Amino acid sequence: MIEPTNTTHTTKRRVVIIDDDQAFAAMLTKLVVSLGHEALVKSDPRISDTFEVRDSDVVFVDILMPHVNGIQVLEQLNRQNVKSAIVLMSGYDQFLDAAVQAAKNLDIQLSGVLHKPIRLADVQTILEAV
């Protein structure tokens, strides 16, 4: 069971989770909500769905997805001039490295990189920092 932690210094944010793995997205949603934030899941992130992302959001982006990869999501967010806090996620370091480089090339400021499986403490650290 996930226990809420002290979030008195954290501003409540809307966290957008872009991940095709519904079980993982549900687990991350529970973590985010336990930290006092709102969560919105995009499990089939077609490029056009990124219009719902607001600048004040924190966006967790899975790098490996079947229809749209995380780099394509970053490119679309860049075209929309979204200034959200972006967190990249993957269980594969080589894909994370490529996505970090793509974010640099697009001049997107990353707020974090998470290696799956993720830990509550890592999510909390990122959300407290943004």
Foldseek 3Di string as FASTA:
>chain_A
DDAADDQVLFDAAEEEEEAQPPVLLVVVQVLSVSPPYHYHYDNPCDLVVCVPDALRYEYEAEQDDDPAGRLSNLVSCLVVVRQHAYEYEEQDPVSVVVSVVSCVVSVHDHLYYAHPPGDSVVVNVSSSVD
